[in-house]
Amino acid sequence: MKILILSASTGGTKTKKITTTFYNLMKESYETEHDIRYLNIQDKKIQFSDGRNYLDYSGDTLEVASAIMESDVIMFGAPIFQASIPAALKNLFDLLPVRAFDRKVIGLIITGGSLRHYLVPETQIKPIIHYMHGVIIPKYIYAIDTDFNTDGTVNDEIELRLQTLLDDTISISETYKDVWNKQDDMFGF
């Protein structure tokens, strides 16, 4: 499977640190079995969506949109700002076609300044992913400042939760892949 871990934050460090930790855990466990890629949009120049087909963009925008479209599993990392998803993540969604997540398993690793906004993924991100036909991993990570050690690394509890999310991601993805392959076999695809 092609697995993409995408840090969709244009500022700060927490989202990058926690998604990098997840990426490293995934590489340790599954690098030989799966094609695993990490992208951080802080390193990219993403154009604003203007309604074009994602293939009509160029440069970093085309690279990121294509990586999303080519992946079987996508783990989106994003912060919550002002009780809402960041514009950078919404822009990524807007660059893609409506059925971009069809037959894709999507997971979430969210960072926030406080626990007050832990339901933002439920009310704002998950509906968009459902609309785009994605299969969402039921549990997600929501980490706040106290979940990071003084050196910026995630604490043991968050690392354990990341490992659980990783295991759930692989199990759910492989199960859906088997189901979808059986469906395709029924129709001779």
C-alpha atoms as a PDB file:
ATOM      1  CA  MET A   1       0.000   0.000   0.000  1.00  0.00           C
ATOM      2  CA  LYS A   2       0.989   3.599  -0.551  1.00  0.00           C
ATOM      3  CA  ILE A   3       0.830   5.486   2.729  1.00  0.00           C
ATOM      4  CA  LEU A   4       1.142   9.260   3.016  1.00  0.00           C
ATOM      5  CA  ILE A   5       1.695  11.153   6.254  1.00  0.00           C
ATOM      6  CA  LEU A   6       0.983  14.811   5.571  1.00  0.00           C
ATOM      7  CA  SER A   7       1.646  17.664   7.994  1.00  0.00           C
ATOM      8  CA  ALA A   8      -0.866  20.324   6.904  1.00  0.00           C
ATOM      9  CA  SER A   9       0.356  23.218   9.007  1.00  0.00           C
ATOM     10  CA  THR A  10       2.060  26.311   7.648  1.00  0.00           C
ATOM     11  CA  GLY A  11       3.302  27.436  11.062  1.00  0.00           C
ATOM     12  CA  GLY A  12       4.438  26.177  14.414  1.00  0.00           C
ATOM     13  CA  THR A  13       6.257  22.967  15.255  1.00  0.00           C
ATOM     14  CA  LYS A  14       3.897  20.646  17.160  1.00  0.00           C
ATOM     15  CA  THR A  15       2.097  19.230  14.139  1.00  0.00           C
ATOM     16  CA  LYS A  16       5.378  18.586  12.370  1.00  0.00           C
ATOM     17  CA  LYS A  17       6.878  16.915  15.448  1.00  0.00           C
ATOM     18  CA  ILE A  18       3.943  14.607  16.115  1.00  0.00           C
ATOM     19  CA  THR A  19       3.503  13.613  12.453  1.00  0.00           C
ATOM     20  CA  THR A  20       7.247  13.003  12.152  1.00  0.00           C
ATOM     21  CA  THR A  21       7.047  10.744  15.211  1.00  0.00           C
ATOM     22  CA  PHE A  22       4.174   8.836  13.599  1.00  0.00           C
ATOM     23  CA  TYR A  23       6.133   8.567  10.335  1.00  0.00           C
ATOM     24  CA  ASN A  24       9.184   7.187  12.149  1.00  0.00           C
ATOM     25  CA  LEU A  25       7.064   4.646  14.046  1.00  0.00           C
ATOM     26  CA  MET A  26       5.469   3.546  10.782  1.00  0.00           C
ATOM     27  CA  LYS A  27       8.828   3.208   9.053  1.00  0.00           C
ATOM     28  CA  GLU A  28      10.183   1.102  11.934  1.00  0.00           C
ATOM     29  CA  SER A  29       7.258  -1.297  11.732  1.00  0.00           C
ATOM     30  CA  TYR A  30       6.187  -1.360   8.088  1.00  0.00           C
ATOM     31  CA  GLU A  31       8.836   0.111   5.779  1.00  0.00           C
ATOM     32  CA  THR A  32       9.533  -3.211   4.060  1.00  0.00           C
ATOM     33  CA  GLU A  33       5.827  -3.945   3.476  1.00  0.00           C
ATOM     34  CA  HIS A  34       4.500  -0.554   2.365  1.00  0.00           C
ATOM     35  CA  ASP A  35       5.527   2.524   0.401  1.00  0.00           C
ATOM     36  CA  ILE A  36       5.575   5.202   3.128  1.00  0.00           C
ATOM     37  CA  ARG A  37       5.996   8.901   2.368  1.00  0.00           C
ATOM     38  CA  TYR A  38       6.090  12.021   4.547  1.00  0.00           C
ATOM     39  CA  LEU A  39       5.263  15.532   3.319  1.00  0.00           C
ATOM     40  CA  ASN A  40       5.301  18.739   5.319  1.00  0.00           C
ATOM     41  CA  ILE A  41       3.584  21.643   3.575  1.00  0.00           C
ATOM     42  CA  GLN A  42       5.833  24.062   5.464  1.00  0.00           C
ATOM     43  CA  ASP A  43       8.437  22.929   2.937  1.00  0.00           C
ATOM     44  CA  LYS A  44       6.134  23.502  -0.052  1.00  0.00           C
ATOM     45  CA  LYS A  45       4.645  26.430  -1.933  1.00  0.00           C
ATOM     46  CA  ILE A  46       1.014  25.479  -2.360  1.00  0.00           C
ATOM     47  CA  GLN A  47      -1.164  27.571  -4.661  1.00  0.00           C
ATOM     48  CA  PHE A  48      -4.664  28.571  -3.647  1.00  0.00           C
ATOM     49  CA  SER A  49      -7.369  26.421  -5.145  1.00  0.00           C
ATOM     50  CA  ASP A  50      -9.153  28.159  -8.009  1.00  0.00           C
ATOM     51  CA  GLY A  51     -11.380  25.323  -9.223  1.00  0.00           C
ATOM     52  CA  ARG A  52      -8.978  23.789 -11.746  1.00  0.00           C
ATOM     53  CA  ASN A  53      -8.391  20.068 -11.984  1.00  0.00           C
ATOM     54  CA  TYR A  54      -5.522  19.214  -9.648  1.00  0.00           C
ATOM     55  CA  LEU A  55      -3.510  17.960 -12.653  1.00  0.00           C
ATOM     56  CA  ASP A  56      -3.542  21.473 -14.128  1.00  0.00           C
ATOM     57  CA  TYR A  57      -1.448  22.843 -11.266  1.00  0.00           C
ATOM     58  CA  SER A  58       2.329  22.668 -11.280  1.00  0.00           C
ATOM     59  CA  GLY A  59       5.255  22.533  -8.896  1.00  0.00           C
ATOM     60  CA  ASP A  60       4.668  21.761  -5.239  1.00  0.00           C
ATOM     61  CA  THR A  61       0.899  22.010  -5.597  1.00  0.00           C
ATOM     62  CA  LEU A  62       0.811  19.261  -8.205  1.00  0.00           C
ATOM     63  CA  GLU A  63       3.292  17.176  -6.192  1.00  0.00           C
ATOM     64  CA  VAL A  64       1.217  17.292  -2.997  1.00  0.00           C
ATOM     65  CA  ALA A  65      -2.156  16.837  -4.719  1.00  0.00           C
ATOM     66  CA  SER A  66      -0.796  13.910  -6.750  1.00  0.00           C
ATOM     67  CA  ALA A  67       0.702  12.312  -3.648  1.00  0.00           C
ATOM     68  CA  ILE A  68      -2.714  12.478  -1.988  1.00  0.00           C
ATOM     69  CA  MET A  69      -4.497  11.071  -5.034  1.00  0.00           C
ATOM     70  CA  GLU A  70      -1.986   8.214  -5.462  1.00  0.00           C
ATOM     71  CA  SER A  71      -2.081   7.125  -1.809  1.00  0.00           C
ATOM     72  CA  ASP A  72      -4.170   4.308  -0.390  1.00  0.00           C
ATOM     73  CA  VAL A  73      -3.845   5.581   3.178  1.00  0.00           C
ATOM     74  CA  ILE A  74      -3.491   9.207   4.233  1.00  0.00           C
ATOM     75  CA  MET A  75      -2.721  10.432   7.720  1.00  0.00           C
ATOM     76  CA  PHE A  76      -3.483  14.153   7.923  1.00  0.00           C
ATOM     77  CA  GLY A  77      -1.774  16.098  10.657  1.00  0.00           C
ATOM     78  CA  ALA A  78      -3.207  19.543  11.371  1.00  0.00           C
ATOM     79  CA  PRO A  79      -3.479  22.117  14.129  1.00  0.00           C
ATOM     80  CA  ILE A  80      -6.691  23.726  15.312  1.00  0.00           C
ATOM     81  CA  PHE A  81      -6.628  27.518  15.116  1.00  0.00           C
ATOM     82  CA  GLN A  82      -9.412  29.725  16.499  1.00  0.00           C
ATOM     83  CA  ALA A  83     -11.729  26.698  16.941  1.00  0.00           C
ATOM     84  CA  SER A  84     -11.435  25.799  13.259  1.00  0.00           C
ATOM     85  CA  ILE A  85      -9.377  23.778  10.821  1.00  0.00           C
ATOM     86  CA  PRO A  86      -6.451  25.634   9.273  1.00  0.00           C
ATOM     87  CA  ALA A  87      -6.926  27.246   5.885  1.00  0.00           C
ATOM     88  CA  ALA A  88      -3.963  25.258   4.554  1.00  0.00           C
ATOM     89  CA  LEU A  89      -5.793  21.969   5.157  1.00  0.00           C
ATOM     90  CA  LYS A  90      -9.045  23.271   3.681  1.00  0.00           C
ATOM     91  CA  ASN A  91      -7.112  24.492   0.636  1.00  0.00           C
ATOM     92  CA  LEU A  92      -5.675  20.985   0.148  1.00  0.00           C
ATOM     93  CA  PHE A  93      -9.191  19.548   0.246  1.00  0.00           C
ATOM     94  CA  ASP A  94     -10.365  22.194  -2.245  1.00  0.00           C
ATOM     95  CA  LEU A  95      -7.593  21.287  -4.709  1.00  0.00           C
ATOM     96  CA  LEU A  96      -8.938  17.733  -5.015  1.00  0.00           C
ATOM     97  CA  PRO A  97     -11.926  16.253  -6.841  1.00  0.00           C
ATOM     98  CA  VAL A  98     -15.078  15.435  -4.887  1.00  0.00           C
ATOM     99  CA  ARG A  99     -14.384  11.680  -4.841  1.00  0.00           C
ATOM    100  CA  ALA A 100     -10.672  12.096  -4.089  1.00  0.00           C
ATOM    101  CA  PHE A 101     -10.808   9.824  -1.044  1.00  0.00           C
ATOM    102  CA  ASP A 102     -12.850   7.022  -2.612  1.00  0.00           C
ATOM    103  CA  ARG A 103     -11.298   3.729  -1.473  1.00  0.00           C
ATOM    104  CA  LYS A 104      -8.809   5.541   0.721  1.00  0.00           C
ATOM    105  CA  VAL A 105      -8.424   5.166   4.467  1.00  0.00           C
ATOM    106  CA  ILE A 106      -7.925   8.480   6.249  1.00  0.00           C
ATOM    107  CA  GLY A 107      -6.560   9.115   9.725  1.00  0.00           C
ATOM    108  CA  LEU A 108      -6.143  12.279  11.762  1.00  0.00           C
ATOM    109  CA  ILE A 109      -3.429  13.575  14.060  1.00  0.00           C
ATOM    110  CA  ILE A 110      -4.553  16.905  15.452  1.00  0.00           C
ATOM    111  CA  THR A 111      -2.779  19.421  17.673  1.00  0.00           C
ATOM    112  CA  GLY A 112      -4.403  22.184  19.675  1.00  0.00           C
ATOM    113  CA  GLY A 113      -3.682  24.743  22.328  1.00  0.00           C
ATOM    114  CA  SER A 114      -6.287  23.387  24.732  1.00  0.00           C
ATOM    115  CA  LEU A 115      -8.809  20.594  25.168  1.00  0.00           C
ATOM    116  CA  ARG A 116     -11.668  22.988  24.382  1.00  0.00           C
ATOM    117  CA  HIS A 117     -11.459  22.248  20.677  1.00  0.00           C
ATOM    118  CA  TYR A 118     -11.016  18.489  20.660  1.00  0.00           C
ATOM    119  CA  LEU A 119     -14.329  18.032  18.818  1.00  0.00           C
ATOM    120  CA  VAL A 120     -13.322  20.223  15.865  1.00  0.00           C
ATOM    121  CA  PRO A 121     -12.120  17.153  13.924  1.00  0.00           C
ATOM    122  CA  GLU A 122     -15.523  15.511  14.511  1.00  0.00           C
ATOM    123  CA  THR A 123     -17.534  18.518  13.404  1.00  0.00           C
ATOM    124  CA  GLN A 124     -15.339  20.058  10.713  1.00  0.00           C
ATOM    125  CA  ILE A 125     -12.803  17.609   9.281  1.00  0.00           C
ATOM    126  CA  LYS A 126     -14.636  14.288   9.314  1.00  0.00           C
ATOM    127  CA  PRO A 127     -17.675  15.642   7.404  1.00  0.00           C
ATOM    128  CA  ILE A 128     -15.393  16.885   4.617  1.00  0.00           C
ATOM    129  CA  ILE A 129     -13.624  13.523   4.413  1.00  0.00           C
ATOM    130  CA  HIS A 130     -16.969  11.705   4.336  1.00  0.00           C
ATOM    131  CA  TYR A 131     -18.201  14.050   1.597  1.00  0.00           C
ATOM    132  CA  MET A 132     -15.077  13.171  -0.401  1.00  0.00           C
ATOM    133  CA  HIS A 133     -15.886   9.438   0.071  1.00  0.00           C
ATOM    134  CA  GLY A 134     -13.048   8.584   2.468  1.00  0.00           C
ATOM    135  CA  VAL A 135     -13.079   5.835   5.064  1.00  0.00           C
ATOM    136  CA  ILE A 136     -12.107   7.429   8.364  1.00  0.00           C
ATOM    137  CA  ILE A 137     -10.255   5.623  11.121  1.00  0.00           C
ATOM    138  CA  PRO A 138     -12.660   6.083  14.062  1.00  0.00           C
ATOM    139  CA  LYS A 139     -10.095   7.118  16.662  1.00  0.00           C
ATOM    140  CA  TYR A 140      -7.767  10.044  16.143  1.00  0.00           C
ATOM    141  CA  ILE A 141      -5.014  11.740  18.104  1.00  0.00           C
ATOM    142  CA  TYR A 142      -5.666  15.120  19.673  1.00  0.00           C
ATOM    143  CA  ALA A 143      -2.545  16.450  21.385  1.00  0.00           C
ATOM    144  CA  ILE A 144      -2.087  19.664  23.352  1.00  0.00           C
ATOM    145  CA  ASP A 145       0.949  21.474  24.719  1.00  0.00           C
ATOM    146  CA  THR A 146       1.223  19.263  27.818  1.00  0.00           C
ATOM    147  CA  ASP A 147       1.528  16.185  25.564  1.00  0.00           C
ATOM    148  CA  PHE A 148       4.979  17.360  24.486  1.00  0.00           C
ATOM    149  CA  ASN A 149       8.141  17.075  26.562  1.00  0.00           C
ATOM    150  CA  THR A 150      10.321  20.126  27.186  1.00  0.00           C
ATOM    151  CA  ASP A 151      12.607  19.070  24.320  1.00  0.00           C
ATOM    152  CA  GLY A 152       9.604  19.098  21.946  1.00  0.00           C
ATOM    153  CA  THR A 153       9.199  15.345  21.646  1.00  0.00           C
ATOM    154  CA  VAL A 154       5.874  13.685  22.363  1.00  0.00           C
ATOM    155  CA  ASN A 155       5.394  12.169  25.806  1.00  0.00           C
ATOM    156  CA  ASP A 156       5.066   8.432  26.411  1.00  0.00           C
ATOM    157  CA  GLU A 157       1.251   8.458  26.483  1.00  0.00           C
ATOM    158  CA  ILE A 158       1.016  10.154  23.093  1.00  0.00           C
ATOM    159  CA  GLU A 159       3.644   7.830  21.643  1.00  0.00           C
ATOM    160  CA  LEU A 160       1.608   4.845  22.868  1.00  0.00           C
ATOM    161  CA  ARG A 161      -1.540   6.346  21.319  1.00  0.00           C
ATOM    162  CA  LEU A 162       0.350   6.947  18.063  1.00  0.00           C
ATOM    163  CA  GLN A 163       1.419   3.294  18.045  1.00  0.00           C
ATOM    164  CA  THR A 164      -2.197   2.226  18.591  1.00  0.00           C
ATOM    165  CA  LEU A 165      -3.335   4.527  15.773  1.00  0.00           C
ATOM    166  CA  LEU A 166      -0.624   3.055  13.573  1.00  0.00           C
ATOM    167  CA  ASP A 167      -1.724  -0.517  14.286  1.00  0.00           C
ATOM    168  CA  ASP A 168      -5.389   0.390  13.768  1.00  0.00           C
ATOM    169  CA  THR A 169      -4.524   2.154  10.505  1.00  0.00           C
ATOM    170  CA  ILE A 170      -2.759  -0.875   9.072  1.00  0.00           C
ATOM    171  CA  SER A 171      -5.455  -3.326  10.250  1.00  0.00           C
ATOM    172  CA  ILE A 172      -8.331  -1.243   8.915  1.00  0.00           C
ATOM    173  CA  SER A 173      -6.540  -0.501   5.639  1.00  0.00           C
ATOM    174  CA  GLU A 174      -5.698  -4.137   4.973  1.00  0.00           C
ATOM    175  CA  THR A 175      -9.257  -5.207   5.832  1.00  0.00           C
ATOM    176  CA  TYR A 176     -10.803  -2.653   3.480  1.00  0.00           C
ATOM    177  CA  LYS A 177      -8.310  -3.539   0.756  1.00  0.00           C
ATOM    178  CA  ASP A 178      -9.375  -7.196   0.993  1.00  0.00           C
ATOM    179  CA  VAL A 179     -13.057  -6.240   0.863  1.00  0.00           C
ATOM    180  CA  TRP A 180     -12.555  -3.936  -2.114  1.00  0.00           C
ATOM    181  CA  ASN A 181     -10.522  -6.583  -3.951  1.00  0.00           C
ATOM    182  CA  LYS A 182     -13.333  -9.128  -3.404  1.00  0.00           C
ATOM    183  CA  GLN A 183     -15.840  -6.617  -4.759  1.00  0.00           C
ATOM    184  CA  ASP A 184     -13.683  -5.995  -7.811  1.00  0.00           C
ATOM    185  CA  ASP A 185     -13.259  -9.748  -8.369  1.00  0.00           C
ATOM    186  CA  MET A 186     -17.044 -10.135  -8.439  1.00  0.00           C
ATOM    187  CA  PHE A 187     -17.181  -7.800 -11.415  1.00  0.00           C
ATOM    188  CA  GLY A 188     -14.029  -9.025 -13.143  1.00  0.00           C
ATOM    189  CA  PHE A 189     -12.075  -5.771 -12.769  1.00  0.00           C
END
